[in-house]
C-alpha atoms as a PDB file:
ATOM      1  CA  UNK A   1      87.033 120.931  64.513  1.00  0.00           C
ATOM      2  CA  UNK A   2      85.700 120.155  67.894  1.00  0.00           C
ATOM      3  CA  UNK A   3      82.562 117.989  68.526  1.00  0.00           C
ATOM      4  CA  UNK A   4      78.830 119.402  68.899  1.00  0.00           C
ATOM      5  CA  UNK A   5      78.322 121.644  71.946  1.00  0.00           C
ATOM      6  CA  UNK A   6      77.988 120.634  75.343  1.00  0.00           C
ATOM      7  CA  UNK A   7      76.033 123.150  76.671  1.00  0.00           C
ATOM      8  CA  UNK A   8      72.307 123.435  76.617  1.00  0.00           C
ATOM      9  CA  UNK A   9      72.168 127.602  76.175  1.00  0.00           C
ATOM     10  CA  UNK A  10      69.222 128.394  74.805  1.00  0.00           C
ATOM     11  CA  UNK A  11      66.514 125.732  75.859  1.00  0.00           C
ATOM     12  CA  UNK A  12      64.440 126.806  78.462  1.00  0.00           C
ATOM     13  CA  UNK A  13      64.325 124.552  81.508  1.00  0.00           C
ATOM     14  CA  UNK A  14      66.577 121.684  80.205  1.00  0.00           C
ATOM     15  CA  UNK A  15      66.825 119.340  82.556  1.00  0.00           C
ATOM     16  CA  UNK A  16      63.249 119.445  82.774  1.00  0.00           C
ATOM     17  CA  UNK A  17      63.368 118.866  78.673  1.00  0.00           C
ATOM     18  CA  UNK A  18      65.560 115.902  78.978  1.00  0.00           C
ATOM     19  CA  UNK A  19      63.144 114.027  81.187  1.00  0.00           C
ATOM     20  CA  UNK A  20      60.651 113.801  78.933  1.00  0.00           C
ATOM     21  CA  UNK A  21      62.217 113.365  75.274  1.00  0.00           C
ATOM     22  CA  UNK A  22      65.181 111.682  74.074  1.00  0.00           C
ATOM     23  CA  UNK A  23      67.720 114.146  72.983  1.00  0.00           C
ATOM     24  CA  UNK A  24      70.878 113.878  70.955  1.00  0.00           C
ATOM     25  CA  UNK A  25      73.556 116.005  68.509  1.00  0.00           C
ATOM     26  CA  UNK A  26      75.534 114.360  66.615  1.00  0.00           C
ATOM     27  CA  UNK A  27      78.402 115.811  64.306  1.00  0.00           C
ATOM     28  CA  UNK A  28      78.245 116.140  60.475  1.00  0.00           C
ATOM     29  CA  UNK A  29      80.093 114.953  57.386  1.00  0.00           C
ATOM     30  CA  UNK A  30      83.572 116.515  57.289  1.00  0.00           C
ATOM     31  CA  UNK A  31      83.416 119.148  54.424  1.00  0.00           C
ATOM     32  CA  UNK A  32      79.749 120.360  56.371  1.00  0.00           C
ATOM     33  CA  UNK A  33      81.689 121.277  59.882  1.00  0.00           C
ATOM     34  CA  UNK A  34      82.855 124.655  59.209  1.00  0.00           C
ATOM     35  CA  UNK A  35      79.254 125.665  58.186  1.00  0.00           C
ATOM     36  CA  UNK A  36      77.343 123.321  60.746  1.00  0.00           C
ATOM     37  CA  UNK A  37      77.336 123.941  64.686  1.00  0.00           C
ATOM     38  CA  UNK A  38      75.897 120.179  64.876  1.00  0.00           C
ATOM     39  CA  UNK A  39      73.075 117.967  64.333  1.00  0.00           C
ATOM     40  CA  UNK A  40      70.353 117.953  66.712  1.00  0.00           C
ATOM     41  CA  UNK A  41      67.958 114.561  67.142  1.00  0.00           C
ATOM     42  CA  UNK A  42      64.884 114.469  69.580  1.00  0.00           C
ATOM     43  CA  UNK A  43      62.747 111.416  69.959  1.00  0.00           C
ATOM     44  CA  UNK A  44      59.608 111.712  72.261  1.00  0.00           C
ATOM     45  CA  UNK A  45      56.792 108.910  73.684  1.00  0.00           C
ATOM     46  CA  UNK A  46      54.681 111.055  75.942  1.00  0.00           C
ATOM     47  CA  UNK A  47      51.460 110.282  77.625  1.00  0.00           C
ATOM     48  CA  UNK A  48      50.365 113.803  78.630  1.00  0.00           C
ATOM     49  CA  UNK A  49      51.571 116.692  76.319  1.00  0.00           C
ATOM     50  CA  UNK A  50      54.187 118.921  76.975  1.00  0.00           C
ATOM     51  CA  UNK A  51      55.380 122.150  76.199  1.00  0.00           C
ATOM     52  CA  UNK A  52      59.267 122.736  74.991  1.00  0.00           C
ATOM     53  CA  UNK A  53      60.669 126.261  75.291  1.00  0.00           C
ATOM     54  CA  UNK A  54      63.588 127.692  73.340  1.00  0.00           C
ATOM     55  CA  UNK A  55      65.073 131.254  73.026  1.00  0.00           C
ATOM     56  CA  UNK A  56      66.813 130.985  69.875  1.00  0.00           C
ATOM     57  CA  UNK A  57      70.832 131.179  68.682  1.00  0.00           C
ATOM     58  CA  UNK A  58      70.923 133.299  66.375  1.00  0.00           C
ATOM     59  CA  UNK A  59      71.209 130.721  63.653  1.00  0.00           C
ATOM     60  CA  UNK A  60      68.962 128.862  60.948  1.00  0.00           C
ATOM     61  CA  UNK A  61      67.799 125.709  61.323  1.00  0.00           C
ATOM     62  CA  UNK A  62      66.706 122.926  59.129  1.00  0.00           C
ATOM     63  CA  UNK A  63      64.131 120.801  60.792  1.00  0.00           C
ATOM     64  CA  UNK A  64      62.735 117.450  59.773  1.00  0.00           C
ATOM     65  CA  UNK A  65      59.561 116.617  61.767  1.00  0.00           C
ATOM     66  CA  UNK A  66      57.449 113.703  62.629  1.00  0.00           C
ATOM     67  CA  UNK A  67      53.940 113.716  64.161  1.00  0.00           C
ATOM     68  CA  UNK A  68      51.276 111.117  65.192  1.00  0.00           C
ATOM     69  CA  UNK A  69      48.632 113.201  63.300  1.00  0.00           C
ATOM     70  CA  UNK A  70      50.191 114.467  60.518  1.00  0.00           C
ATOM     71  CA  UNK A  71      52.575 113.356  57.739  1.00  0.00           C
ATOM     72  CA  UNK A  72      56.271 113.953  58.122  1.00  0.00           C
ATOM     73  CA  UNK A  73      57.626 117.649  56.451  1.00  0.00           C
ATOM     74  CA  UNK A  74      60.694 119.323  56.779  1.00  0.00           C
ATOM     75  CA  UNK A  75      60.956 123.285  57.374  1.00  0.00           C
ATOM     76  CA  UNK A  76      64.087 125.896  56.873  1.00  0.00           C
ATOM     77  CA  UNK A  77      63.373 127.998  60.277  1.00  0.00           C
ATOM     78  CA  UNK A  78      65.281 131.232  60.324  1.00  0.00           C
ATOM     79  CA  UNK A  79      66.847 133.127  63.071  1.00  0.00           C
ATOM     80  CA  UNK A  80      63.703 133.202  65.791  1.00  0.00           C
ATOM     81  CA  UNK A  81      63.338 136.719  67.389  1.00  0.00           C
ATOM     82  CA  UNK A  82      60.945 135.576  70.119  1.00  0.00           C
ATOM     83  CA  UNK A  83      61.224 133.099  72.389  1.00  0.00           C
ATOM     84  CA  UNK A  84      59.761 130.070  70.705  1.00  0.00           C
ATOM     85  CA  UNK A  85      57.322 127.501  72.124  1.00  0.00           C
ATOM     86  CA  UNK A  86      56.565 124.221  70.697  1.00  0.00           C
ATOM     87  CA  UNK A  87      53.781 121.248  72.025  1.00  0.00           C
ATOM     88  CA  UNK A  88      55.032 117.786  72.026  1.00  0.00           C
ATOM     89  CA  UNK A  89      51.864 115.118  72.305  1.00  0.00           C
ATOM     90  CA  UNK A  90      52.291 111.443  71.934  1.00  0.00           C
ATOM     91  CA  UNK A  91      54.902 110.291  69.808  1.00  0.00           C
ATOM     92  CA  UNK A  92      57.641 112.297  67.283  1.00  0.00           C
ATOM     93  CA  UNK A  93      60.576 112.483  66.178  1.00  0.00           C
ATOM     94  CA  UNK A  94      62.668 115.338  65.048  1.00  0.00           C
ATOM     95  CA  UNK A  95      65.782 115.747  63.206  1.00  0.00           C
ATOM     96  CA  UNK A  96      67.535 119.212  63.021  1.00  0.00           C
ATOM     97  CA  UNK A  97      70.267 120.708  61.877  1.00  0.00           C
ATOM     98  CA  UNK A  98      72.076 123.922  63.530  1.00  0.00           C
ATOM     99  CA  UNK A  99      74.049 125.536  60.855  1.00  0.00           C
ATOM    100  CA  UNK A 100      76.392 128.065  62.808  1.00  0.00           C
ATOM    101  CA  UNK A 101      75.406 131.577  62.461  1.00  0.00           C
ATOM    102  CA  UNK A 102      76.441 132.742  58.969  1.00  0.00           C
ATOM    103  CA  UNK A 103      76.931 129.458  57.930  1.00  0.00           C
ATOM    104  CA  UNK A 104      73.601 128.566  56.232  1.00  0.00           C
ATOM    105  CA  UNK A 105      74.275 131.143  52.910  1.00  0.00           C
ATOM    106  CA  UNK A 106      76.653 128.714  51.287  1.00  0.00           C
ATOM    107  CA  UNK A 107      73.406 126.389  51.003  1.00  0.00           C
ATOM    108  CA  UNK A 108      71.368 128.855  49.758  1.00  0.00           C
ATOM    109  CA  UNK A 109      73.613 131.630  48.318  1.00  0.00           C
ATOM    110  CA  UNK A 110      70.967 133.641  46.295  1.00  0.00           C
ATOM    111  CA  UNK A 111      69.212 135.002  48.974  1.00  0.00           C
ATOM    112  CA  UNK A 112      70.623 136.844  52.299  1.00  0.00           C
ATOM    113  CA  UNK A 113      69.509 135.235  55.667  1.00  0.00           C
ATOM    114  CA  UNK A 114      67.228 138.382  56.375  1.00  0.00           C
ATOM    115  CA  UNK A 115      64.877 137.294  54.347  1.00  0.00           C
ATOM    116  CA  UNK A 116      64.387 133.693  56.185  1.00  0.00           C
ATOM    117  CA  UNK A 117      64.609 135.728  59.748  1.00  0.00           C
ATOM    118  CA  UNK A 118      61.888 135.149  61.753  1.00  0.00           C
ATOM    119  CA  UNK A 119      59.829 132.206  59.009  1.00  0.00           C
ATOM    120  CA  UNK A 120      59.675 129.282  59.194  1.00  0.00           C
ATOM    121  CA  UNK A 121      59.365 127.893  55.308  1.00  0.00           C
ATOM    122  CA  UNK A 122      59.045 124.745  53.133  1.00  0.00           C
ATOM    123  CA  UNK A 123      62.585 123.115  52.986  1.00  0.00           C
ATOM    124  CA  UNK A 124      62.402 122.879  48.888  1.00  0.00           C
ATOM    125  CA  UNK A 125      61.187 126.324  48.593  1.00  0.00           C
ATOM    126  CA  UNK A 126      64.712 127.868  50.879  1.00  0.00           C
ATOM    127  CA  UNK A 127      67.120 125.144  49.815  1.00  0.00           C
ATOM    128  CA  UNK A 128      66.329 124.114  46.251  1.00  0.00           C
ATOM    129  CA  UNK A 129      63.350 126.232  45.139  1.00  0.00           C
ATOM    130  CA  UNK A 130      65.625 129.261  43.682  1.00  0.00           C
ATOM    131  CA  UNK A 131      64.772 132.452  43.777  1.00  0.00           C
ATOM    132  CA  UNK A 132      60.671 131.621  44.313  1.00  0.00           C
ATOM    133  CA  UNK A 133      58.863 133.121  46.939  1.00  0.00           C
ATOM    134  CA  UNK A 134      58.283 130.717  49.416  1.00  0.00           C
ATOM    135  CA  UNK A 135      55.416 130.383  51.493  1.00  0.00           C
ATOM    136  CA  UNK A 136      54.099 128.493  54.439  1.00  0.00           C
ATOM    137  CA  UNK A 137      54.099 128.049  58.363  1.00  0.00           C
ATOM    138  CA  UNK A 138      54.523 125.163  60.499  1.00  0.00           C
ATOM    139  CA  UNK A 139      56.024 124.409  63.345  1.00  0.00           C
ATOM    140  CA  UNK A 140      59.937 123.551  64.417  1.00  0.00           C
ATOM    141  CA  UNK A 141      61.997 123.345  67.572  1.00  0.00           C
ATOM    142  CA  UNK A 142      64.950 125.093  66.656  1.00  0.00           C
ATOM    143  CA  UNK A 143      68.323 123.202  68.416  1.00  0.00           C
ATOM    144  CA  UNK A 144      70.685 124.927  70.322  1.00  0.00           C
ATOM    145  CA  UNK A 145      82.355 129.151  65.811  1.00  0.00           C
ATOM    146  CA  UNK A 146      84.258 129.884  63.928  1.00  0.00           C
ATOM    147  CA  UNK A 147      87.830 131.088  63.300  1.00  0.00           C
ATOM    148  CA  UNK A 148      89.438 134.824  63.903  1.00  0.00           C
ATOM    149  CA  UNK A 149      87.466 137.606  60.940  1.00  0.00           C
ATOM    150  CA  UNK A 150      90.223 137.498  57.979  1.00  0.00           C
ATOM    151  CA  UNK A 151      90.109 140.667  56.115  1.00  0.00           C
ATOM    152  CA  UNK A 152      86.851 141.483  53.812  1.00  0.00           C
ATOM    153  CA  UNK A 153      86.370 139.334  50.872  1.00  0.00           C
ATOM    154  CA  UNK A 154      84.216 140.707  47.961  1.00  0.00           C
ATOM    155  CA  UNK A 155      80.908 140.284  47.970  1.00  0.00           C
ATOM    156  CA  UNK A 156      79.670 137.843  45.297  1.00  0.00           C
ATOM    157  CA  UNK A 157      78.367 139.718  41.845  1.00  0.00           C
ATOM    158  CA  UNK A 158      74.703 139.117  42.765  1.00  0.00           C
ATOM    159  CA  UNK A 159      75.143 140.766  45.827  1.00  0.00           C
ATOM    160  CA  UNK A 160      78.109 143.331  45.546  1.00  0.00           C
ATOM    161  CA  UNK A 161      77.948 147.402  46.160  1.00  0.00           C
ATOM    162  CA  UNK A 162      81.445 148.394  45.708  1.00  0.00           C
ATOM    163  CA  UNK A 163      84.135 146.451  44.767  1.00  0.00           C
ATOM    164  CA  UNK A 164      86.289 145.505  47.086  1.00  0.00           C
ATOM    165  CA  UNK A 165      89.875 144.183  47.170  1.00  0.00           C
ATOM    166  CA  UNK A 166      89.576 139.987  46.837  1.00  0.00           C
ATOM    167  CA  UNK A 167      90.982 137.671  49.987  1.00  0.00           C
ATOM    168  CA  UNK A 168      91.879 134.478  51.059  1.00  0.00           C
ATOM    169  CA  UNK A 169      88.894 132.073  51.591  1.00  0.00           C
ATOM    170  CA  UNK A 170      90.087 129.236  54.237  1.00  0.00           C
ATOM    171  CA  UNK A 171      87.043 127.585  54.921  1.00  0.00           C
ATOM    172  CA  UNK A 172      88.170 123.876  52.973  1.00  0.00           C
ATOM    173  CA  UNK A 173      86.178 122.977  49.881  1.00  0.00           C
ATOM    174  CA  UNK A 174      83.365 120.953  49.725  1.00  0.00           C
ATOM    175  CA  UNK A 175      84.558 117.099  49.610  1.00  0.00           C
ATOM    176  CA  UNK A 176      83.556 115.637  46.195  1.00  0.00           C
ATOM    177  CA  UNK A 177      81.260 112.883  46.589  1.00  0.00           C
ATOM    178  CA  UNK A 178      78.773 111.396  44.494  1.00  0.00           C
ATOM    179  CA  UNK A 179      75.100 112.755  44.107  1.00  0.00           C
ATOM    180  CA  UNK A 180      72.799 110.352  45.702  1.00  0.00           C
ATOM    181  CA  UNK A 181      70.745 108.781  43.315  1.00  0.00           C
ATOM    182  CA  UNK A 182      67.398 110.677  44.747  1.00  0.00           C
ATOM    183  CA  UNK A 183      67.682 113.587  47.403  1.00  0.00           C
ATOM    184  CA  UNK A 184      67.011 113.019  50.506  1.00  0.00           C
ATOM    185  CA  UNK A 185      63.279 113.935  51.918  1.00  0.00           C
ATOM    186  CA  UNK A 186      61.626 113.964  55.274  1.00  0.00           C
ATOM    187  CA  UNK A 187      60.616 110.111  54.677  1.00  0.00           C
ATOM    188  CA  UNK A 188      64.262 109.398  54.016  1.00  0.00           C
ATOM    189  CA  UNK A 189      65.759 111.046  56.972  1.00  0.00           C
ATOM    190  CA  UNK A 190      62.557 110.561  59.661  1.00  0.00           C
ATOM    191  CA  UNK A 191      62.061 107.244  58.678  1.00  0.00           C
ATOM    192  CA  UNK A 192      65.185 104.930  59.624  1.00  0.00           C
ATOM    193  CA  UNK A 193      64.913 103.504  63.317  1.00  0.00           C
ATOM    194  CA  UNK A 194      68.888 103.736  62.851  1.00  0.00           C
ATOM    195  CA  UNK A 195      70.209 107.465  64.048  1.00  0.00           C
ATOM    196  CA  UNK A 196      73.514 106.967  62.273  1.00  0.00           C
ATOM    197  CA  UNK A 197      71.355 106.418  59.074  1.00  0.00           C
ATOM    198  CA  UNK A 198      69.386 109.276  59.684  1.00  0.00           C
ATOM    199  CA  UNK A 199      73.072 111.584  60.193  1.00  0.00           C
ATOM    200  CA  UNK A 200      73.809 109.704  57.357  1.00  0.00           C
ATOM    201  CA  UNK A 201      71.229 111.397  55.151  1.00  0.00           C
ATOM    202  CA  UNK A 202      71.529 114.403  56.344  1.00  0.00           C
ATOM    203  CA  UNK A 203      74.843 114.523  55.251  1.00  0.00           C
ATOM    204  CA  UNK A 204      73.775 112.949  51.671  1.00  0.00           C
ATOM    205  CA  UNK A 205      71.432 115.655  51.235  1.00  0.00           C
ATOM    206  CA  UNK A 206      74.073 118.741  52.672  1.00  0.00           C
ATOM    207  CA  UNK A 207      76.692 117.916  50.873  1.00  0.00           C
ATOM    208  CA  UNK A 208      75.910 118.311  47.498  1.00  0.00           C
ATOM    209  CA  UNK A 209      74.334 121.342  48.436  1.00  0.00           C
ATOM    210  CA  UNK A 210      76.722 123.505  49.412  1.00  0.00           C
ATOM    211  CA  UNK A 211      77.868 126.016  47.252  1.00  0.00           C
ATOM    212  CA  UNK A 212      81.575 126.403  45.538  1.00  0.00           C
ATOM    213  CA  UNK A 213      81.798 130.098  45.167  1.00  0.00           C
ATOM    214  CA  UNK A 214      84.834 130.925  47.142  1.00  0.00           C
ATOM    215  CA  UNK A 215      83.739 134.569  47.689  1.00  0.00           C
ATOM    216  CA  UNK A 216      80.835 133.989  49.121  1.00  0.00           C
ATOM    217  CA  UNK A 217      82.992 131.072  50.979  1.00  0.00           C
ATOM    218  CA  UNK A 218      84.667 133.500  52.457  1.00  0.00           C
ATOM    219  CA  UNK A 219      82.537 136.302  53.560  1.00  0.00           C
ATOM    220  CA  UNK A 220      80.877 133.378  55.123  1.00  0.00           C
ATOM    221  CA  UNK A 221      84.061 132.210  57.108  1.00  0.00           C
ATOM    222  CA  UNK A 222      84.129 135.748  57.626  1.00  0.00           C
ATOM    223  CA  UNK A 223      80.804 136.368  59.347  1.00  0.00           C
ATOM    224  CA  UNK A 224      80.974 133.171  60.933  1.00  0.00           C
ATOM    225  CA  UNK A 225      84.005 133.644  62.927  1.00  0.00           C
ATOM    226  CA  UNK A 226      82.722 137.289  63.762  1.00  0.00           C
ATOM    227  CA  UNK A 227      79.982 136.199  65.231  1.00  0.00           C
ATOM    228  CA  UNK A 228      81.581 133.765  67.010  1.00  0.00           C
ATOM    229  CA  UNK A 229      84.009 136.324  68.772  1.00  0.00           C
ATOM    230  CA  UNK A 230      80.723 137.533  69.742  1.00  0.00           C
ATOM    231  CA  UNK A 231      80.015 135.177  71.169  1.00  0.00           C
ATOM    232  CA  UNK A 232      83.138 133.966  73.007  1.00  0.00           C
ATOM    233  CA  UNK A 233      84.552 137.320  74.065  1.00  0.00           C
ATOM    234  CA  UNK A 234      82.607 139.257  77.497  1.00  0.00           C
ATOM    235  CA  UNK A 235      84.789 142.454  76.510  1.00  0.00           C
ATOM    236  CA  UNK A 236      82.813 143.722  73.483  1.00  0.00           C
ATOM    237  CA  UNK A 237      80.339 145.819  74.769  1.00  0.00           C
ATOM    238  CA  UNK A 238      79.699 148.264  71.951  1.00  0.00           C
ATOM    239  CA  UNK A 239      79.173 147.862  68.234  1.00  0.00           C
ATOM    240  CA  UNK A 240      81.195 150.203  67.021  1.00  0.00           C
ATOM    241  CA  UNK A 241      83.995 149.513  69.018  1.00  0.00           C
ATOM    242  CA  UNK A 242      83.994 145.666  67.873  1.00  0.00           C
ATOM    243  CA  UNK A 243      84.014 146.963  64.504  1.00  0.00           C
ATOM    244  CA  UNK A 244      86.893 149.264  64.231  1.00  0.00           C
ATOM    245  CA  UNK A 245      89.141 146.544  66.006  1.00  0.00           C
ATOM    246  CA  UNK A 246      87.593 144.272  63.429  1.00  0.00           C
ATOM    247  CA  UNK A 247      88.918 146.466  60.254  1.00  0.00           C
ATOM    248  CA  UNK A 248      85.011 147.821  59.329  1.00  0.00           C
ATOM    249  CA  UNK A 249      82.618 150.122  59.416  1.00  0.00           C
ATOM    250  CA  UNK A 250      79.716 149.839  61.213  1.00  0.00           C
ATOM    251  CA  UNK A 251      78.044 149.826  58.053  1.00  0.00           C
ATOM    252  CA  UNK A 252      80.367 146.774  56.493  1.00  0.00           C
ATOM    253  CA  UNK A 253      79.405 144.841  59.526  1.00  0.00           C
ATOM    254  CA  UNK A 254      76.009 145.631  59.843  1.00  0.00           C
ATOM    255  CA  UNK A 255      75.318 144.632  55.646  1.00  0.00           C
ATOM    256  CA  UNK A 256      77.626 141.113  56.399  1.00  0.00           C
ATOM    257  CA  UNK A 257      75.417 140.019  58.967  1.00  0.00           C
ATOM    258  CA  UNK A 258      72.371 140.807  57.636  1.00  0.00           C
ATOM    259  CA  UNK A 259      73.779 139.106  54.088  1.00  0.00           C
ATOM    260  CA  UNK A 260      75.010 136.091  56.363  1.00  0.00           C
ATOM    261  CA  UNK A 261      73.952 135.821  59.901  1.00  0.00           C
ATOM    262  CA  UNK A 262      70.163 137.342  59.422  1.00  0.00           C
ATOM    263  CA  UNK A 263      70.471 139.518  62.304  1.00  0.00           C
ATOM    264  CA  UNK A 264      72.397 142.595  63.222  1.00  0.00           C
ATOM    265  CA  UNK A 265      75.447 142.620  65.263  1.00  0.00           C
ATOM    266  CA  UNK A 266      73.661 144.583  68.140  1.00  0.00           C
ATOM    267  CA  UNK A 267      71.108 141.926  68.428  1.00  0.00           C
ATOM    268  CA  UNK A 268      73.593 138.797  68.240  1.00  0.00           C
ATOM    269  CA  UNK A 269      75.467 140.438  71.153  1.00  0.00           C
ATOM    270  CA  UNK A 270      72.145 140.986  73.430  1.00  0.00           C
ATOM    271  CA  UNK A 271      71.153 137.234  72.739  1.00  0.00           C
ATOM    272  CA  UNK A 272      74.336 135.914  73.579  1.00  0.00           C
ATOM    273  CA  UNK A 273      73.985 138.285  76.730  1.00  0.00           C
ATOM    274  CA  UNK A 274      70.345 136.168  77.795  1.00  0.00           C
ATOM    275  CA  UNK A 275      71.680 133.064  77.359  1.00  0.00           C
ATOM    276  CA  UNK A 276      74.354 133.991  79.762  1.00  0.00           C
ATOM    277  CA  UNK A 277      71.966 135.390  81.979  1.00  0.00           C
ATOM    278  CA  UNK A 278      69.856 132.255  81.969  1.00  0.00           C
ATOM    279  CA  UNK A 279      72.380 129.511  82.251  1.00  0.00           C
ATOM    280  CA  UNK A 280      73.519 131.095  85.266  1.00  0.00           C
ATOM    281  CA  UNK A 281      70.188 131.484  86.664  1.00  0.00           C
ATOM    282  CA  UNK A 282      69.483 127.865  85.965  1.00  0.00           C
ATOM    283  CA  UNK A 283      72.786 126.628  87.850  1.00  0.00           C
ATOM    284  CA  UNK A 284      72.576 125.994  91.533  1.00  0.00           C
ATOM    285  CA  UNK A 285      75.019 128.692  92.118  1.00  0.00           C
ATOM    286  CA  UNK A 286      73.415 131.962  93.726  1.00  0.00           C
ATOM    287  CA  UNK A 287      73.809 134.825  91.086  1.00  0.00           C
ATOM    288  CA  UNK A 288      75.068 138.243  91.859  1.00  0.00           C
ATOM    289  CA  UNK A 289      73.168 140.061  89.270  1.00  0.00           C
ATOM    290  CA  UNK A 290      74.095 143.101  90.001  1.00  0.00           C
ATOM    291  CA  UNK A 291      77.798 141.984  89.471  1.00  0.00           C
ATOM    292  CA  UNK A 292      76.287 139.471  86.160  1.00  0.00           C
ATOM    293  CA  UNK A 293      74.867 142.690  84.473  1.00  0.00           C
ATOM    294  CA  UNK A 294      78.112 144.115  85.054  1.00  0.00           C
ATOM    295  CA  UNK A 295      80.179 141.279  83.686  1.00  0.00           C
ATOM    296  CA  UNK A 296      78.125 141.274  80.467  1.00  0.00           C
ATOM    297  CA  UNK A 297      78.768 145.067  79.943  1.00  0.00           C
ATOM    298  CA  UNK A 298      74.896 146.207  81.727  1.00  0.00           C
ATOM    299  CA  UNK A 299      75.124 149.640  82.684  1.00  0.00           C
ATOM    300  CA  UNK A 300      72.902 148.431  85.439  1.00  0.00           C
ATOM    301  CA  UNK A 301      71.221 145.050  86.590  1.00  0.00           C
ATOM    302  CA  UNK A 302      67.828 146.740  85.523  1.00  0.00           C
ATOM    303  CA  UNK A 303      68.685 146.546  81.539  1.00  0.00           C
ATOM    304  CA  UNK A 304      69.233 143.033  82.150  1.00  0.00           C
ATOM    305  CA  UNK A 305      66.025 142.203  84.044  1.00  0.00           C
ATOM    306  CA  UNK A 306      64.794 143.897  81.305  1.00  0.00           C
ATOM    307  CA  UNK A 307      66.413 142.458  78.678  1.00  0.00           C
ATOM    308  CA  UNK A 308      65.495 138.644  80.390  1.00  0.00           C
ATOM    309  CA  UNK A 309      61.927 139.257  81.119  1.00  0.00           C
ATOM    310  CA  UNK A 310      61.559 140.960  77.231  1.00  0.00           C
ATOM    311  CA  UNK A 311      62.647 137.580  76.285  1.00  0.00           C
ATOM    312  CA  UNK A 312      61.306 134.857  78.797  1.00  0.00           C
ATOM    313  CA  UNK A 313      58.424 136.826  79.743  1.00  0.00           C
ATOM    314  CA  UNK A 314      59.367 136.476  83.629  1.00  0.00           C
ATOM    315  CA  UNK A 315      62.639 138.393  85.440  1.00  0.00           C
ATOM    316  CA  UNK A 316      65.866 136.274  85.758  1.00  0.00           C
ATOM    317  CA  UNK A 317      65.096 136.020  89.645  1.00  0.00           C
ATOM    318  CA  UNK A 318      61.596 134.353  89.459  1.00  0.00           C
ATOM    319  CA  UNK A 319      63.193 132.393  86.273  1.00  0.00           C
ATOM    320  CA  UNK A 320      66.101 130.773  88.698  1.00  0.00           C
ATOM    321  CA  UNK A 321      63.186 130.399  91.762  1.00  0.00           C
ATOM    322  CA  UNK A 322      61.265 128.567  89.272  1.00  0.00           C
ATOM    323  CA  UNK A 323      60.817 124.248  90.738  1.00  0.00           C
END
C-alpha cells in the first residue's frame, strides 16, 4: 500500500503555513494502513499568532493537541462541513490521525459515523465510551485509498435492515499484538521529543481498538473503495449513475455512506471537486475556469464559482490572485 499522500489538498495556502510550522506525515502500523490515510504531526514556535485554514476531507480525524496555555488533550473530529480555522500562537504540538473516508467505523463500531459529523468530541467518549452520548467542544486542526468496490456484505446485527447474502471480507485481519500495559493518551502521544516514539504511541493506542467483525470490516472496505473511486475518477458526474454502475440502489449507497463515511456521496463528490479547483487555483499556471468546470462535471463555470465561494468565502479567481 502506498505511503502518505504528498499533495496538500484541503490546506488553504499550504506554502505559507509550512513556512511557520513543521508539518510531517507518517505511515501507521501495517495493521492500520487499510483504514488510516496517515498520521500528521505539527510543531510550531511562533512570535506572532497565525490562523491556519483547512477545507476538510470527508475523513474523521483523531487529534491530540498541546498548547502553551492549556493541558494536553485529545479529540475526535468528525467530518467537517465548513471551512475550518485554527489560531496558532506561541509554542505547540499536534499529533493527528486522518482516517480514510469510510475507515473510522472499525474503531468505533457501535455508532454510525454520521453521529460524529461536524462535531469535535473528547476522544475517550468516542473510542472508549461505548454508547455513551459524548459532549464537549475544542480546537482541532484536521490534516488532510481504498480498493475497487466489492459486493455488498451484510450489515452487522446492530445496524441491519433487510438481510443480505454475505460477501467476502478482503481487508487484512488486524495483527495480533500485545495490549500495552497502559493505554496511551495525550501525554504519551505528545510528550516524547522523538517523533518515532509519538508514532509508536499512536500505533499502540489504535491497533487494539480495531474491531475484528468480518461483516463490518467488509462494509468498511466497500465504503472506502467507493469513496476513493469518487476521489480519483473525474468521469463520475451523478450519484444515481455511480450507484447503478456499482450495482447498488441510490438508497443503499446513501445508507452505506451515512454509516461509514459520515456524509452523503453527493457531498463527497462536491468536496473533491472543490479540492481540485483550489489546488488548480494555487498553482502557478493560468487556469481556464470554464474548461476546469467542464472537466469537474459542472454544467457551467458559474456553478463551480458558487461552490468554491460558498466553501472558502471568496471566488476561485480571487483566491488564485491572493499573495
